[in-house]
Amino acid sequence: MSLVVTVYVPSGIVMAADSRMTVTRTEEREEDGTEFVYPLGRHTTIGRAPDNDIVLGSATVSGYHAEIRYENGQYVLHDKNSRNGTYVNGRRIVGPNLIKPGWRITIGDVDLTVGS
């Protein structure tokens, strides 16, 4: 099973152009932002630092905030001891957390939606 994450970036938050992953789709939303769609690999890092796979330019996102790993046929989200925590469907994770299509990941003030 391959998954993607959709990152909704409200206007006022910068989505860094130097993310290492290829955006499979970008959609401008009429309201106030843009959606970027990224395919997930075996190991996907997320954070503010420019060497992450997905770079989020928000001050509420740690340099190396979280990572998603493909483990035993499933995608698992890991918080990397971030300052503001990582949330799945509104609940802060405290250890590895399985993710599935339709679930929402919140990193700082940026929401990501898991899709297939």
Protein backbone atom coordinates (compact mmCIF):
# COMPACT_ATOMS: atom_id res chain seq x y z
CA MET A 1 0.00 0.00 0.00
CA SER A 2 1.39 3.40 -0.89
CA LEU A 3 0.21 6.56 0.80
CA VAL A 4 0.51 10.29 0.26
CA VAL A 5 0.22 13.20 2.65
CA THR A 6 -1.55 16.38 1.72
CA VAL A 7 -0.15 19.44 3.44
CA TYR A 8 -2.54 22.36 3.70
CA VAL A 9 -0.56 25.55 4.10
CA PRO A 10 -2.61 28.59 5.16
CA SER A 11 -1.57 31.92 3.71
CA GLY A 12 1.01 33.51 5.99
CA ILE A 13 2.86 30.22 6.52
CA VAL A 14 5.69 29.57 4.10
CA MET A 15 6.01 26.19 2.43
CA ALA A 16 9.70 25.92 1.72
CA ALA A 17 10.58 25.40 -1.91
CA ASP A 18 13.56 23.25 -0.99
CA SER A 19 11.62 20.18 0.17
CA ARG A 20 13.44 17.15 -1.19
CA MET A 21 10.29 15.23 -2.11
CA THR A 22 8.54 15.73 -5.41
CA VAL A 23 5.11 17.29 -5.09
CA THR A 24 2.68 15.07 -7.00
CA ARG A 25 -0.05 17.70 -7.03
CA THR A 26 -0.49 21.29 -5.92
CA GLU A 27 -3.92 22.87 -5.56
CA GLU A 28 -4.67 26.49 -4.78
CA ARG A 29 -7.61 26.69 -2.41
CA GLU A 30 -9.95 29.59 -2.89
CA GLU A 31 -10.16 30.44 0.80
CA ASP A 32 -6.68 31.21 2.00
CA GLY A 33 -4.00 28.70 1.17
CA THR A 34 -2.49 25.95 -0.91
CA GLU A 35 -2.43 22.15 -0.73
CA PHE A 36 0.73 20.21 -1.57
CA VAL A 37 0.57 16.44 -2.08
CA TYR A 38 3.67 14.34 -1.30
CA PRO A 39 4.14 10.60 -1.83
CA LEU A 40 5.48 8.77 1.23
CA GLY A 41 8.63 6.70 0.90
CA ARG A 42 10.12 4.16 3.27
CA HIS A 43 11.38 6.96 5.50
CA THR A 44 9.98 10.51 5.27
CA THR A 45 11.23 13.29 7.54
CA ILE A 46 9.16 16.38 8.35
CA GLY A 47 10.34 19.61 9.97
CA ARG A 48 11.55 23.18 9.56
CA ALA A 49 15.20 22.35 8.72
CA PRO A 50 15.99 22.47 4.99
CA ASP A 51 17.30 18.91 4.83
CA ASN A 52 13.94 17.32 5.74
CA ASP A 53 11.97 15.54 3.03
CA ILE A 54 8.98 17.80 3.72
CA VAL A 55 9.99 21.26 4.92
CA LEU A 56 7.38 23.31 6.80
CA GLY A 57 8.29 26.95 7.29
CA SER A 58 6.34 27.62 10.49
CA ALA A 59 7.91 28.76 13.77
CA THR A 60 5.71 26.20 15.58
CA VAL A 61 7.42 23.34 13.74
CA SER A 62 10.69 21.98 15.17
CA GLY A 63 13.76 21.61 12.97
CA TYR A 64 13.38 17.82 12.93
CA HIS A 65 9.81 17.43 14.10
CA ALA A 66 8.58 14.01 12.98
CA GLU A 67 9.13 11.15 10.60
CA ILE A 68 6.94 8.59 8.89
CA ARG A 69 8.43 5.13 8.40
CA TYR A 70 7.17 2.17 6.41
CA GLU A 71 7.42 -0.68 8.93
CA ASN A 72 6.11 -4.22 8.50
CA GLY A 73 3.74 -3.22 5.70
CA GLN A 74 2.31 -0.19 7.52
CA TYR A 75 3.11 3.52 7.80
CA VAL A 76 4.07 4.59 11.31
CA LEU A 77 4.43 8.19 12.56
CA HIS A 78 7.17 9.03 15.07
CA ASP A 79 7.57 12.33 16.94
CA LYS A 80 11.25 13.31 17.15
CA ASN A 81 11.04 14.92 20.61
CA SER A 82 9.55 18.07 19.12
CA ARG A 83 8.79 21.06 21.30
CA ASN A 84 5.10 21.35 20.34
CA GLY A 85 4.32 17.68 19.82
CA THR A 86 2.77 15.72 16.98
CA TYR A 87 -0.95 14.97 16.87
CA VAL A 88 -3.03 12.36 15.07
CA ASN A 89 -6.75 13.10 14.81
CA GLY A 90 -6.41 15.69 17.56
CA ARG A 91 -4.56 13.48 20.07
CA ARG A 92 -0.91 13.99 20.94
CA ILE A 93 1.17 10.91 20.21
CA VAL A 94 3.61 9.66 22.82
CA GLY A 95 5.19 6.82 20.85
CA PRO A 96 5.03 5.26 17.39
CA ASN A 97 1.57 5.71 15.91
CA LEU A 98 0.06 3.85 12.95
CA ILE A 99 -1.47 6.16 10.32
CA LYS A 100 -4.20 5.36 7.79
CA PRO A 101 -5.90 7.14 4.88
CA GLY A 102 -8.26 9.88 6.00
CA TRP A 103 -6.42 10.55 9.25
CA ARG A 104 -5.17 14.03 10.12
CA ILE A 105 -1.64 14.71 11.35
CA THR A 106 -0.95 18.06 13.02
CA ILE A 107 2.62 19.31 13.22
CA GLY A 108 2.86 22.68 14.91
CA ASP A 109 0.10 24.72 13.28
CA VAL A 110 0.19 22.79 9.99
CA ASP A 111 -2.30 20.03 9.18
CA LEU A 112 -1.44 17.07 6.97
CA THR A 113 -4.04 14.61 5.70
CA VAL A 114 -3.10 11.02 4.95
CA GLY A 115 -4.42 9.79 1.61
CA SER A 116 -3.98 6.86 -0.72
